[in-house]
């Protein structure tokens, strides 16, 4: 079991490294086609990585929050089936608030990708 886990971790690290390097290569191609410059390519590559991390962490947080909310509501309804209406309403409001975190993360990642002020400064 331990060897299998080490293999999986190694494969995930290699895939992550390939994704990071491909984002920099893509950014270099786009920067060369646009304004040019190594600094612009680095900023664009880092922007792609930051946008992916922003939406990834936002989705992980929202997903775990929704899972905990659903688990808590299911156990509450299991203990007291008469309170199902109140529990369901409270759970839905809480899940909507939790989902807004993922939407905020999406907005931040889109701003990083398409309205990056640092890239605009470098591009001139």
PDB file of N, CA and C in Angstrom:
ATOM      1  N   UNK A   1       0.824  -1.194   0.000  1.00  0.00           N
ATOM      2  CA  UNK A   1       0.000   0.000   0.000  1.00  0.00           C
ATOM      3  C   UNK A   1       0.863   1.250   0.000  1.00  0.00           C
ATOM      4  N   UNK A   2       1.958   1.203   0.723  1.00  0.00           N
ATOM      5  CA  UNK A   2       2.832   2.353   0.832  1.00  0.00           C
ATOM      6  C   UNK A   2       3.510   2.656  -0.505  1.00  0.00           C
ATOM      7  N   UNK A   3       3.928   1.599  -1.237  1.00  0.00           N
ATOM      8  CA  UNK A   3       4.567   1.794  -2.536  1.00  0.00           C
ATOM      9  C   UNK A   3       3.583   2.377  -3.539  1.00  0.00           C
ATOM     10  N   UNK A   4       2.349   1.919  -3.488  1.00  0.00           N
ATOM     11  CA  UNK A   4       1.330   2.439  -4.395  1.00  0.00           C
ATOM     12  C   UNK A   4       1.064   3.911  -4.140  1.00  0.00           C
ATOM     13  N   UNK A   5       1.059   4.310  -2.862  1.00  0.00           N
ATOM     14  CA  UNK A   5       0.831   5.705  -2.520  1.00  0.00           C
ATOM     15  C   UNK A   5       1.984   6.582  -2.988  1.00  0.00           C
ATOM     16  N   UNK A   6       3.209   6.083  -2.852  1.00  0.00           N
ATOM     17  CA  UNK A   6       4.367   6.836  -3.332  1.00  0.00           C
ATOM     18  C   UNK A   6       4.316   7.004  -4.847  1.00  0.00           C
ATOM     19  N   UNK A   7       3.883   5.975  -5.545  1.00  0.00           N
ATOM     20  CA  UNK A   7       3.759   6.060  -7.000  1.00  0.00           C
ATOM     21  C   UNK A   7       2.709   7.070  -7.425  1.00  0.00           C
ATOM     22  N   UNK A   8       1.590   7.081  -6.718  1.00  0.00           N
ATOM     23  CA  UNK A   8       0.535   8.030  -7.047  1.00  0.00           C
ATOM     24  C   UNK A   8       0.998   9.456  -6.781  1.00  0.00           C
ATOM     25  N   UNK A   9       1.661   9.678  -5.658  1.00  0.00           N
ATOM     26  CA  UNK A   9       2.162  11.023  -5.342  1.00  0.00           C
ATOM     27  C   UNK A   9       3.190  11.458  -6.373  1.00  0.00           C
ATOM     28  N   UNK A  10       4.062  10.567  -6.782  1.00  0.00           N
ATOM     29  CA  UNK A  10       5.065  10.904  -7.798  1.00  0.00           C
ATOM     30  C   UNK A  10       4.391  11.263  -9.123  1.00  0.00           C
ATOM     31  N   UNK A  11       3.396  10.470  -9.529  1.00  0.00           N
ATOM     32  CA  UNK A  11       2.684  10.761 -10.783  1.00  0.00           C
ATOM     33  C   UNK A  11       1.967  12.100 -10.716  1.00  0.00           C
ATOM     34  N   UNK A  12       1.347  12.408  -9.579  1.00  0.00           N
ATOM     35  CA  UNK A  12       0.667  13.688  -9.431  1.00  0.00           C
ATOM     36  C   UNK A  12       1.647  14.853  -9.477  1.00  0.00           C
ATOM     37  N   UNK A  13       2.826  14.663  -8.900  1.00  0.00           N
ATOM     38  CA  UNK A  13       3.832  15.727  -8.946  1.00  0.00           C
ATOM     39  C   UNK A  13       4.325  15.949 -10.368  1.00  0.00           C
ATOM     40  N   UNK A  14       4.520  14.880 -11.111  1.00  0.00           N
ATOM     41  CA  UNK A  14       4.968  15.009 -12.498  1.00  0.00           C
ATOM     42  C   UNK A  14       3.900  15.699 -13.338  1.00  0.00           C
ATOM     43  N   UNK A  15       2.636  15.318 -13.137  1.00  0.00           N
ATOM     44  CA  UNK A  15       1.548  15.953 -13.887  1.00  0.00           C
ATOM     45  C   UNK A  15       1.445  17.425 -13.525  1.00  0.00           C
ATOM     46  N   UNK A  16       1.585  17.752 -12.245  1.00  0.00           N
ATOM     47  CA  UNK A  16       1.559  19.156 -11.820  1.00  0.00           C
ATOM     48  C   UNK A  16       2.692  19.957 -12.426  1.00  0.00           C
ATOM     49  N   UNK A  17       3.881  19.371 -12.470  1.00  0.00           N
ATOM     50  CA  UNK A  17       5.023  20.051 -13.082  1.00  0.00           C
ATOM     51  C   UNK A  17       4.803  20.277 -14.569  1.00  0.00           C
ATOM     52  N   UNK A  18       4.226  19.289 -15.244  1.00  0.00           N
ATOM     53  CA  UNK A  18       3.911  19.458 -16.660  1.00  0.00           C
ATOM     54  C   UNK A  18       2.876  20.556 -16.878  1.00  0.00           C
ATOM     55  N   UNK A  19       1.876  20.627 -16.009  1.00  0.00           N
ATOM     56  CA  UNK A  19       0.863  21.672 -16.143  1.00  0.00           C
ATOM     57  C   UNK A  19       1.463  23.053 -15.926  1.00  0.00           C
ATOM     58  N   UNK A  20       2.332  23.178 -14.931  1.00  0.00           N
ATOM     59  CA  UNK A  20       2.965  24.469 -14.664  1.00  0.00           C
ATOM     60  C   UNK A  20       3.846  24.880 -15.834  1.00  0.00           C
ATOM     61  N   UNK A  21       4.652  23.961 -16.341  1.00  0.00           N
ATOM     62  CA  UNK A  21       5.538  24.314 -17.446  1.00  0.00           C
ATOM     63  C   UNK A  21       4.760  24.598 -18.721  1.00  0.00           C
ATOM     64  N   UNK A  22       3.647  23.900 -18.935  1.00  0.00           N
ATOM     65  CA  UNK A  22       2.870  24.168 -20.142  1.00  0.00           C
ATOM     66  C   UNK A  22       2.194  25.523 -20.066  1.00  0.00           C
ATOM     67  N   UNK A  23       1.799  25.954 -18.859  1.00  0.00           N
ATOM     68  CA  UNK A  23       1.194  27.283 -18.757  1.00  0.00           C
ATOM     69  C   UNK A  23       2.209  28.362 -19.065  1.00  0.00           C
ATOM     70  N   UNK A  24       3.471  28.176 -18.652  1.00  0.00           N
ATOM     71  CA  UNK A  24       4.498  29.157 -18.992  1.00  0.00           C
ATOM     72  C   UNK A  24       4.801  29.146 -20.490  1.00  0.00           C
ATOM     73  N   UNK A  25       4.806  27.974 -21.098  1.00  0.00           N
ATOM     74  CA  UNK A  25       5.052  27.901 -22.539  1.00  0.00           C
ATOM     75  C   UNK A  25       3.928  28.563 -23.316  1.00  0.00           C
ATOM     76  N   UNK A  26       2.697  28.330 -22.902  1.00  0.00           N
ATOM     77  CA  UNK A  26       1.561  28.975 -23.545  1.00  0.00           C
ATOM     78  C   UNK A  26       1.624  30.483 -23.373  1.00  0.00           C
ATOM     79  N   UNK A  27       2.023  30.936 -22.181  1.00  0.00           N
ATOM     80  CA  UNK A  27       2.124  32.360 -21.919  1.00  0.00           C
ATOM     81  C   UNK A  27       3.229  32.993 -22.753  1.00  0.00           C
ATOM     82  N   UNK A  28       4.324  32.278 -22.945  1.00  0.00           N
ATOM     83  CA  UNK A  28       5.410  32.807 -23.761  1.00  0.00           C
ATOM     84  C   UNK A  28       4.979  32.954 -25.211  1.00  0.00           C
ATOM     85  N   UNK A  29       4.209  31.985 -25.718  1.00  0.00           N
ATOM     86  CA  UNK A  29       3.708  32.099 -27.090  1.00  0.00           C
ATOM     87  C   UNK A  29       2.774  33.287 -27.242  1.00  0.00           C
ATOM     88  N   UNK A  30       1.882  33.469 -26.267  1.00  0.00           N
ATOM     89  CA  UNK A  30       0.933  34.571 -26.352  1.00  0.00           C
ATOM     90  C   UNK A  30       1.629  35.920 -26.186  1.00  0.00           C
ATOM     91  N   UNK A  31       2.621  35.981 -25.294  1.00  0.00           N
ATOM     92  CA  UNK A  31       3.347  37.233 -25.094  1.00  0.00           C
ATOM     93  C   UNK A  31       4.189  37.569 -26.321  1.00  0.00           C
ATOM     94  N   UNK A  32       4.738  36.559 -26.981  1.00  0.00           N
ATOM     95  CA  UNK A  32       5.526  36.811 -28.188  1.00  0.00           C
ATOM     96  C   UNK A  32       4.632  37.295 -29.322  1.00  0.00           C
ATOM     97  N   UNK A  33       3.412  36.780 -29.382  1.00  0.00           N
ATOM     98  CA  UNK A  33       2.492  37.217 -30.424  1.00  0.00           C
ATOM     99  C   UNK A  33       1.964  38.614 -30.135  1.00  0.00           C
ATOM    100  N   UNK A  34       1.844  38.951 -28.860  1.00  0.00           N
ATOM    101  CA  UNK A  34       1.293  40.255 -28.476  1.00  0.00           C
ATOM    102  C   UNK A  34       2.385  41.308 -28.367  1.00  0.00           C
ATOM    103  N   UNK A  35       2.711  41.665 -27.135  1.00  0.00           N
ATOM    104  CA  UNK A  35       3.638  42.771 -26.909  1.00  0.00           C
ATOM    105  C   UNK A  35       5.092  42.322 -26.862  1.00  0.00           C
ATOM    106  N   UNK A  36       5.330  41.084 -26.549  1.00  0.00           N
ATOM    107  CA  UNK A  36       6.694  40.576 -26.475  1.00  0.00           C
ATOM    108  C   UNK A  36       7.293  40.805 -25.106  1.00  0.00           C
ATOM    109  N   UNK A  37       8.404  40.171 -24.872  1.00  0.00           N
ATOM    110  CA  UNK A  37       9.106  40.365 -23.626  1.00  0.00           C
ATOM    111  C   UNK A  37       9.000  39.165 -22.710  1.00  0.00           C
ATOM    112  N   UNK A  38      10.120  38.896 -22.050  1.00  0.00           N
ATOM    113  CA  UNK A  38      10.178  37.766 -21.126  1.00  0.00           C
ATOM    114  C   UNK A  38       9.375  38.067 -19.870  1.00  0.00           C
ATOM    115  N   UNK A  39       9.406  39.316 -19.408  1.00  0.00           N
ATOM    116  CA  UNK A  39       8.675  39.677 -18.197  1.00  0.00           C
ATOM    117  C   UNK A  39       7.173  39.504 -18.396  1.00  0.00           C
ATOM    118  N   UNK A  40       6.692  39.860 -19.573  1.00  0.00           N
ATOM    119  CA  UNK A  40       5.265  39.693 -19.850  1.00  0.00           C
ATOM    120  C   UNK A  40       4.885  38.217 -19.865  1.00  0.00           C
ATOM    121  N   UNK A  41       5.763  37.374 -20.380  1.00  0.00           N
ATOM    122  CA  UNK A  41       5.492  35.937 -20.401  1.00  0.00           C
ATOM    123  C   UNK A  41       5.473  35.365 -18.995  1.00  0.00           C
ATOM    124  N   UNK A  42       6.375  35.817 -18.149  1.00  0.00           N
ATOM    125  CA  UNK A  42       6.409  35.334 -16.767  1.00  0.00           C
ATOM    126  C   UNK A  42       5.156  35.767 -16.018  1.00  0.00           C
ATOM    127  N   UNK A  43       4.767  37.031 -16.186  1.00  0.00           N
ATOM    128  CA  UNK A  43       3.566  37.523 -15.507  1.00  0.00           C
ATOM    129  C   UNK A  43       2.329  36.789 -15.999  1.00  0.00           C
ATOM    130  N   UNK A  44       2.248  36.554 -17.290  1.00  0.00           N
ATOM    131  CA  UNK A  44       1.095  35.852 -17.839  1.00  0.00           C
ATOM    132  C   UNK A  44       1.060  34.396 -17.362  1.00  0.00           C
ATOM    133  N   UNK A  45       2.206  33.742 -17.310  1.00  0.00           N
ATOM    134  CA  UNK A  45       2.255  32.369 -16.805  1.00  0.00           C
ATOM    135  C   UNK A  45       1.883  32.284 -15.341  1.00  0.00           C
ATOM    136  N   UNK A  46       2.388  33.214 -14.548  1.00  0.00           N
ATOM    137  CA  UNK A  46       2.025  33.234 -13.130  1.00  0.00           C
ATOM    138  C   UNK A  46       0.550  33.560 -12.947  1.00  0.00           C
ATOM    139  N   UNK A  47      -0.008  34.374 -13.839  1.00  0.00           N
ATOM    140  CA  UNK A  47      -1.432  34.686 -13.764  1.00  0.00           C
ATOM    141  C   UNK A  47      -2.276  33.457 -14.028  1.00  0.00           C
ATOM    142  N   UNK A  48      -1.864  32.645 -14.975  1.00  0.00           N
ATOM    143  CA  UNK A  48      -2.602  31.414 -15.266  1.00  0.00           C
ATOM    144  C   UNK A  48      -2.557  30.472 -14.064  1.00  0.00           C
ATOM    145  N   UNK A  49      -1.403  30.344 -13.453  1.00  0.00           N
ATOM    146  CA  UNK A  49      -1.271  29.481 -12.282  1.00  0.00           C
ATOM    147  C   UNK A  49      -2.091  30.028 -11.114  1.00  0.00           C
ATOM    148  N   UNK A  50      -2.024  31.346 -10.895  1.00  0.00           N
ATOM    149  CA  UNK A  50      -2.773  31.950  -9.788  1.00  0.00           C
ATOM    150  C   UNK A  50      -4.278  31.819  -9.997  1.00  0.00           C
ATOM    151  N   UNK A  51      -4.739  31.975 -11.232  1.00  0.00           N
ATOM    152  CA  UNK A  51      -6.170  31.828 -11.498  1.00  0.00           C
ATOM    153  C   UNK A  51      -6.626  30.394 -11.246  1.00  0.00           C
ATOM    154  N   UNK A  52      -5.820  29.435 -11.652  1.00  0.00           N
ATOM    155  CA  UNK A  52      -6.158  28.036 -11.393  1.00  0.00           C
ATOM    156  C   UNK A  52      -6.174  27.713  -9.913  1.00  0.00           C
ATOM    157  N   UNK A  53      -5.216  28.253  -9.174  1.00  0.00           N
ATOM    158  CA  UNK A  53      -5.188  28.014  -7.736  1.00  0.00           C
ATOM    159  C   UNK A  53      -6.364  28.691  -7.047  1.00  0.00           C
ATOM    160  N   UNK A  54      -6.735  29.894  -7.500  1.00  0.00           N
ATOM    161  CA  UNK A  54      -7.850  30.610  -6.874  1.00  0.00           C
ATOM    162  C   UNK A  54      -9.155  29.841  -7.032  1.00  0.00           C
ATOM    163  N   UNK A  55      -9.448  29.396  -8.227  1.00  0.00           N
ATOM    164  CA  UNK A  55     -10.699  28.668  -8.426  1.00  0.00           C
ATOM    165  C   UNK A  55     -10.625  27.283  -7.794  1.00  0.00           C
ATOM    166  N   UNK A  56      -9.443  26.681  -7.783  1.00  0.00           N
ATOM    167  CA  UNK A  56      -9.294  25.359  -7.163  1.00  0.00           C
ATOM    168  C   UNK A  56      -9.523  25.398  -5.668  1.00  0.00           C
ATOM    169  N   UNK A  57      -8.872  26.332  -4.978  1.00  0.00           N
ATOM    170  CA  UNK A  57      -9.056  26.434  -3.534  1.00  0.00           C
ATOM    171  C   UNK A  57     -10.472  26.877  -3.193  1.00  0.00           C
ATOM    172  N   UNK A  58     -11.041  27.766  -4.004  1.00  0.00           N
ATOM    173  CA  UNK A  58     -12.417  28.191  -3.767  1.00  0.00           C
ATOM    174  C   UNK A  58     -13.401  27.048  -3.916  1.00  0.00           C
ATOM    175  N   UNK A  59     -13.186  26.217  -4.913  1.00  0.00           N
ATOM    176  CA  UNK A  59     -14.085  25.077  -5.129  1.00  0.00           C
ATOM    177  C   UNK A  59     -13.901  24.017  -4.045  1.00  0.00           C
ATOM    178  N   UNK A  60     -12.674  23.806  -3.598  1.00  0.00           N
ATOM    179  CA  UNK A  60     -12.434  22.838  -2.525  1.00  0.00           C
ATOM    180  C   UNK A  60     -13.115  23.298  -1.243  1.00  0.00           C
ATOM    181  N   UNK A  61     -12.980  24.573  -0.918  1.00  0.00           N
ATOM    182  CA  UNK A  61     -13.615  25.098   0.295  1.00  0.00           C
ATOM    183  C   UNK A  61     -15.121  25.020   0.235  1.00  0.00           C
ATOM    184  N   UNK A  62     -15.684  25.414  -0.911  1.00  0.00           N
ATOM    185  CA  UNK A  62     -17.143  25.364  -1.050  1.00  0.00           C
ATOM    186  C   UNK A  62     -17.653  23.929  -1.026  1.00  0.00           C
ATOM    187  N   UNK A  63     -16.932  23.031  -1.653  1.00  0.00           N
ATOM    188  CA  UNK A  63     -17.356  21.633  -1.666  1.00  0.00           C
ATOM    189  C   UNK A  63     -17.320  21.000  -0.286  1.00  0.00           C
ATOM    190  N   UNK A  64     -16.278  21.272   0.465  1.00  0.00           N
ATOM    191  CA  UNK A  64     -16.208  20.696   1.809  1.00  0.00           C
ATOM    192  C   UNK A  64     -17.251  21.332   2.722  1.00  0.00           C
ATOM    193  N   UNK A  65     -17.511  22.631   2.538  1.00  0.00           N
ATOM    194  CA  UNK A  65     -18.556  23.281   3.334  1.00  0.00           C
ATOM    195  C   UNK A  65     -19.938  22.727   3.040  1.00  0.00           C
ATOM    196  N   UNK A  66     -20.208  22.487   1.773  1.00  0.00           N
ATOM    197  CA  UNK A  66     -21.505  21.910   1.413  1.00  0.00           C
ATOM    198  C   UNK A  66     -21.636  20.477   1.922  1.00  0.00           C
ATOM    199  N   UNK A  67     -20.557  19.743   1.886  1.00  0.00           N
ATOM    200  CA  UNK A  67     -20.591  18.378   2.410  1.00  0.00           C
ATOM    201  C   UNK A  67     -20.868  18.346   3.900  1.00  0.00           C
ATOM    202  N   UNK A  68     -20.236  19.258   4.639  1.00  0.00           N
ATOM    203  CA  UNK A  68     -20.490  19.314   6.075  1.00  0.00           C
ATOM    204  C   UNK A  68     -21.913  19.758   6.367  1.00  0.00           C
ATOM    205  N   UNK A  69     -22.436  20.707   5.571  1.00  0.00           N
ATOM    206  CA  UNK A  69     -23.812  21.164   5.769  1.00  0.00           C
ATOM    207  C   UNK A  69     -24.798  20.041   5.502  1.00  0.00           C
ATOM    208  N   UNK A  70     -24.586  19.300   4.433  1.00  0.00           N
ATOM    209  CA  UNK A  70     -25.475  18.199   4.107  1.00  0.00           C
ATOM    210  C   UNK A  70     -25.406  17.104   5.163  1.00  0.00           C
ATOM    211  N   UNK A  71     -24.208  16.823   5.632  1.00  0.00           N
ATOM    212  CA  UNK A  71     -24.043  15.803   6.665  1.00  0.00           C
ATOM    213  C   UNK A  71     -24.741  16.214   7.956  1.00  0.00           C
ATOM    214  N   UNK A  72     -24.565  17.459   8.353  1.00  0.00           N
ATOM    215  CA  UNK A  72     -25.205  17.943   9.573  1.00  0.00           C
ATOM    216  C   UNK A  72     -26.722  17.937   9.459  1.00  0.00           C
ATOM    217  N   UNK A  73     -27.228  18.343   8.294  1.00  0.00           N
ATOM    218  CA  UNK A  73     -28.681  18.351   8.102  1.00  0.00           C
ATOM    219  C   UNK A  73     -29.245  16.937   8.098  1.00  0.00           C
ATOM    220  N   UNK A  74     -28.528  16.021   7.458  1.00  0.00           N
ATOM    221  CA  UNK A  74     -29.015  14.637   7.430  1.00  0.00           C
ATOM    222  C   UNK A  74     -29.036  14.031   8.822  1.00  0.00           C
ATOM    223  N   UNK A  75     -28.021  14.295   9.615  1.00  0.00           N
ATOM    224  CA  UNK A  75     -28.021  13.744  10.971  1.00  0.00           C
ATOM    225  C   UNK A  75     -29.070  14.430  11.846  1.00  0.00           C
ATOM    226  N   UNK A  76     -29.323  15.726  11.617  1.00  0.00           N
ATOM    227  CA  UNK A  76     -30.350  16.417  12.393  1.00  0.00           C
ATOM    228  C   UNK A  76     -31.745  15.888  12.057  1.00  0.00           C
ATOM    229  N   UNK A  77     -31.998  15.662  10.784  1.00  0.00           N
ATOM    230  CA  UNK A  77     -33.292  15.113  10.388  1.00  0.00           C
ATOM    231  C   UNK A  77     -33.430  13.675  10.874  1.00  0.00           C
ATOM    232  N   UNK A  78     -32.346  12.946  10.905  1.00  0.00           N
ATOM    233  CA  UNK A  78     -32.386  11.581  11.422  1.00  0.00           C
ATOM    234  C   UNK A  78     -32.710  11.541  12.899  1.00  0.00           C
ATOM    235  N   UNK A  79     -32.223  12.522  13.654  1.00  0.00           N
ATOM    236  CA  UNK A  79     -32.518  12.566  15.081  1.00  0.00           C
ATOM    237  C   UNK A  79     -33.929  13.084  15.368  1.00  0.00           C
ATOM    238  N   UNK A  80     -34.375  14.065  14.552  1.00  0.00           N
ATOM    239  CA  UNK A  80     -35.681  14.668  14.787  1.00  0.00           C
ATOM    240  C   UNK A  80     -36.397  14.858  13.451  1.00  0.00           C
ATOM    241  N   UNK A  81     -37.126  13.872  12.974  1.00  0.00           N
ATOM    242  CA  UNK A  81     -37.765  13.975  11.652  1.00  0.00           C
ATOM    243  C   UNK A  81     -38.838  15.060  11.568  1.00  0.00           C
ATOM    244  N   UNK A  82     -39.404  15.480  12.693  1.00  0.00           N
ATOM    245  CA  UNK A  82     -40.432  16.518  12.667  1.00  0.00           C
ATOM    246  C   UNK A  82     -39.873  17.891  12.287  1.00  0.00           C
ATOM    247  N   UNK A  83     -38.593  18.114  12.484  1.00  0.00           N
ATOM    248  CA  UNK A  83     -37.975  19.411  12.193  1.00  0.00           C
ATOM    249  C   UNK A  83     -37.389  19.478  10.791  1.00  0.00           C
ATOM    250  N   UNK A  84     -37.850  18.604   9.905  1.00  0.00           N
ATOM    251  CA  UNK A  84     -37.255  18.531   8.564  1.00  0.00           C
ATOM    252  C   UNK A  84     -37.414  19.840   7.790  1.00  0.00           C
ATOM    253  N   UNK A  85     -38.536  20.493   7.880  1.00  0.00           N
ATOM    254  CA  UNK A  85     -38.765  21.727   7.133  1.00  0.00           C
ATOM    255  C   UNK A  85     -37.805  22.843   7.539  1.00  0.00           C
ATOM    256  N   UNK A  86     -37.651  23.052   8.847  1.00  0.00           N
ATOM    257  CA  UNK A  86     -36.746  24.100   9.334  1.00  0.00           C
ATOM    258  C   UNK A  86     -35.289  23.771   9.014  1.00  0.00           C
ATOM    259  N   UNK A  87     -34.938  22.520   9.188  1.00  0.00           N
ATOM    260  CA  UNK A  87     -33.558  22.108   8.917  1.00  0.00           C
ATOM    261  C   UNK A  87     -33.246  22.262   7.430  1.00  0.00           C
ATOM    262  N   UNK A  88     -34.194  21.860   6.572  1.00  0.00           N
ATOM    263  CA  UNK A  88     -33.977  21.959   5.130  1.00  0.00           C
ATOM    264  C   UNK A  88     -33.840  23.411   4.691  1.00  0.00           C
ATOM    265  N   UNK A  89     -34.685  24.289   5.241  1.00  0.00           N
ATOM    266  CA  UNK A  89     -34.607  25.708   4.889  1.00  0.00           C
ATOM    267  C   UNK A  89     -33.268  26.309   5.320  1.00  0.00           C
ATOM    268  N   UNK A  90     -32.859  26.026   6.539  1.00  0.00           N
ATOM    269  CA  UNK A  90     -31.581  26.541   7.040  1.00  0.00           C
ATOM    270  C   UNK A  90     -30.416  25.984   6.240  1.00  0.00           C
ATOM    271  N   UNK A  91     -30.490  24.703   5.886  1.00  0.00           N
ATOM    272  CA  UNK A  91     -29.417  24.102   5.095  1.00  0.00           C
ATOM    273  C   UNK A  91     -29.323  24.746   3.722  1.00  0.00           C
ATOM    274  N   UNK A  92     -30.462  24.997   3.077  1.00  0.00           N
ATOM    275  CA  UNK A  92     -30.446  25.598   1.736  1.00  0.00           C
ATOM    276  C   UNK A  92     -29.875  27.010   1.755  1.00  0.00           C
ATOM    277  N   UNK A  93     -30.235  27.790   2.772  1.00  0.00           N
ATOM    278  CA  UNK A  93     -29.679  29.145   2.882  1.00  0.00           C
ATOM    279  C   UNK A  93     -28.171  29.072   3.112  1.00  0.00           C
ATOM    280  N   UNK A  94     -27.749  28.169   3.982  1.00  0.00           N
ATOM    281  CA  UNK A  94     -26.311  28.015   4.247  1.00  0.00           C
ATOM    282  C   UNK A  94     -25.551  27.540   3.023  1.00  0.00           C
ATOM    283  N   UNK A  95     -26.153  26.627   2.259  1.00  0.00           N
ATOM    284  CA  UNK A  95     -25.477  26.142   1.050  1.00  0.00           C
ATOM    285  C   UNK A  95     -25.403  27.233  -0.014  1.00  0.00           C
ATOM    286  N   UNK A  96     -26.406  28.088  -0.088  1.00  0.00           N
ATOM    287  CA  UNK A  96     -26.352  29.199  -1.033  1.00  0.00           C
ATOM    288  C   UNK A  96     -25.230  30.163  -0.661  1.00  0.00           C
ATOM    289  N   UNK A  97     -25.064  30.416   0.622  1.00  0.00           N
ATOM    290  CA  UNK A  97     -23.964  31.282   1.067  1.00  0.00           C
ATOM    291  C   UNK A  97     -22.612  30.623   0.784  1.00  0.00           C
ATOM    292  N   UNK A  98     -22.548  29.325   0.971  1.00  0.00           N
ATOM    293  CA  UNK A  98     -21.304  28.601   0.697  1.00  0.00           C
ATOM    294  C   UNK A  98     -20.989  28.616  -0.789  1.00  0.00           C
ATOM    295  N   UNK A  99     -22.007  28.477  -1.624  1.00  0.00           N
ATOM    296  CA  UNK A  99     -21.788  28.495  -3.072  1.00  0.00           C
ATOM    297  C   UNK A  99     -21.318  29.867  -3.549  1.00  0.00           C
ATOM    298  N   UNK A 100     -21.707  30.909  -2.827  1.00  0.00           N
ATOM    299  CA  UNK A 100     -21.253  32.246  -3.224  1.00  0.00           C
ATOM    300  C   UNK A 100     -19.735  32.377  -3.090  1.00  0.00           C
ATOM    301  N   UNK A 101     -19.132  31.619  -2.182  1.00  0.00           N
ATOM    302  CA  UNK A 101     -17.664  31.630  -2.061  1.00  0.00           C
ATOM    303  C   UNK A 101     -17.021  31.115  -3.341  1.00  0.00           C
ATOM    304  N   UNK A 102     -17.570  30.057  -3.905  1.00  0.00           N
ATOM    305  CA  UNK A 102     -17.032  29.522  -5.162  1.00  0.00           C
ATOM    306  C   UNK A 102     -17.228  30.519  -6.301  1.00  0.00           C
ATOM    307  N   UNK A 103     -18.340  31.229  -6.296  1.00  0.00           N
ATOM    308  CA  UNK A 103     -18.576  32.234  -7.342  1.00  0.00           C
ATOM    309  C   UNK A 103     -17.601  33.394  -7.191  1.00  0.00           C
ATOM    310  N   UNK A 104     -17.320  33.810  -5.950  1.00  0.00           N
ATOM    311  CA  UNK A 104     -16.320  34.858  -5.733  1.00  0.00           C
ATOM    312  C   UNK A 104     -14.946  34.410  -6.219  1.00  0.00           C
ATOM    313  N   UNK A 105     -14.597  33.155  -5.968  1.00  0.00           N
ATOM    314  CA  UNK A 105     -13.316  32.629  -6.442  1.00  0.00           C
ATOM    315  C   UNK A 105     -13.265  32.625  -7.965  1.00  0.00           C
ATOM    316  N   UNK A 106     -14.389  32.291  -8.602  1.00  0.00           N
ATOM    317  CA  UNK A 106     -14.447  32.324 -10.067  1.00  0.00           C
ATOM    318  C   UNK A 106     -14.251  33.747 -10.578  1.00  0.00           C
ATOM    319  N   UNK A 107     -14.884  34.712  -9.946  1.00  0.00           N
ATOM    320  CA  UNK A 107     -14.733  36.112 -10.363  1.00  0.00           C
ATOM    321  C   UNK A 107     -13.287  36.571 -10.205  1.00  0.00           C
ATOM    322  N   UNK A 108     -12.673  36.200  -9.093  1.00  0.00           N
ATOM    323  CA  UNK A 108     -11.275  36.588  -8.874  1.00  0.00           C
ATOM    324  C   UNK A 108     -10.373  35.951  -9.915  1.00  0.00           C
ATOM    325  N   UNK A 109     -10.600  34.692 -10.232  1.00  0.00           N
ATOM    326  CA  UNK A 109      -9.742  34.047 -11.234  1.00  0.00           C
ATOM    327  C   UNK A 109      -9.966  34.651 -12.620  1.00  0.00           C
ATOM    328  N   UNK A 110     -11.189  35.040 -12.951  1.00  0.00           N
ATOM    329  CA  UNK A 110     -11.431  35.688 -14.238  1.00  0.00           C
ATOM    330  C   UNK A 110     -10.790  37.069 -14.295  1.00  0.00           C
ATOM    331  N   UNK A 111     -10.802  37.791 -13.182  1.00  0.00           N
ATOM    332  CA  UNK A 111     -10.121  39.090 -13.141  1.00  0.00           C
ATOM    333  C   UNK A 111      -8.623  38.905 -13.316  1.00  0.00           C
ATOM    334  N   UNK A 112      -8.066  37.891 -12.669  1.00  0.00           N
ATOM    335  CA  UNK A 112      -6.633  37.634 -12.816  1.00  0.00           C
ATOM    336  C   UNK A 112      -6.291  37.294 -14.261  1.00  0.00           C
ATOM    337  N   UNK A 113      -7.151  36.539 -14.927  1.00  0.00           N
ATOM    338  CA  UNK A 113      -6.860  36.131 -16.301  1.00  0.00           C
ATOM    339  C   UNK A 113      -7.068  37.245 -17.314  1.00  0.00           C
ATOM    340  N   UNK A 114      -8.195  37.957 -17.212  1.00  0.00           N
ATOM    341  CA  UNK A 114      -8.573  38.850 -18.303  1.00  0.00           C
ATOM    342  C   UNK A 114      -8.420  40.343 -18.001  1.00  0.00           C
ATOM    343  N   UNK A 115      -8.322  40.732 -16.750  1.00  0.00           N
ATOM    344  CA  UNK A 115      -8.164  42.148 -16.424  1.00  0.00           C
ATOM    345  C   UNK A 115      -6.954  42.344 -15.523  1.00  0.00           C
ATOM    346  N   UNK A 116      -5.865  41.711 -15.868  1.00  0.00           N
ATOM    347  CA  UNK A 116      -4.659  41.734 -15.046  1.00  0.00           C
ATOM    348  C   UNK A 116      -3.974  43.097 -15.163  1.00  0.00           C
ATOM    349  N   UNK A 117      -3.962  43.894 -14.101  1.00  0.00           N
ATOM    350  CA  UNK A 117      -3.339  45.220 -14.203  1.00  0.00           C
ATOM    351  C   UNK A 117      -1.822  45.162 -14.348  1.00  0.00           C
ATOM    352  N   UNK A 118      -1.188  44.149 -13.790  1.00  0.00           N
ATOM    353  CA  UNK A 118       0.273  44.048 -13.889  1.00  0.00           C
ATOM    354  C   UNK A 118       0.676  43.780 -15.341  1.00  0.00           C
ATOM    355  N   UNK A 119      -0.059  42.906 -16.012  1.00  0.00           N
ATOM    356  CA  UNK A 119       0.247  42.610 -17.422  1.00  0.00           C
ATOM    357  C   UNK A 119       0.026  43.841 -18.294  1.00  0.00           C
ATOM    358  N   UNK A 120      -0.996  44.626 -17.978  1.00  0.00           N
ATOM    359  CA  UNK A 120      -1.249  45.843 -18.745  1.00  0.00           C
ATOM    360  C   UNK A 120      -0.143  46.853 -18.557  1.00  0.00           C
ATOM    361  N   UNK A 121       0.445  46.897 -17.361  1.00  0.00           N
ATOM    362  CA  UNK A 121       1.590  47.789 -17.125  1.00  0.00           C
ATOM    363  C   UNK A 121       2.801  47.364 -17.934  1.00  0.00           C
ATOM    364  N   UNK A 122       3.038  46.062 -18.015  1.00  0.00           N
ATOM    365  CA  UNK A 122       4.196  45.568 -18.760  1.00  0.00           C
ATOM    366  C   UNK A 122       3.986  45.695 -20.252  1.00  0.00           C
ATOM    367  N   UNK A 123       2.748  45.495 -20.695  1.00  0.00           N
ATOM    368  CA  UNK A 123       2.472  45.555 -22.137  1.00  0.00           C
ATOM    369  C   UNK A 123       2.501  46.972 -22.659  1.00  0.00           C
ATOM    370  N   UNK A 124       2.218  47.910 -21.775  1.00  0.00           N
ATOM    371  CA  UNK A 124       2.286  49.320 -22.182  1.00  0.00           C
ATOM    372  C   UNK A 124       0.994  49.778 -22.636  1.00  0.00           C
TER     373      UNK A 124
END
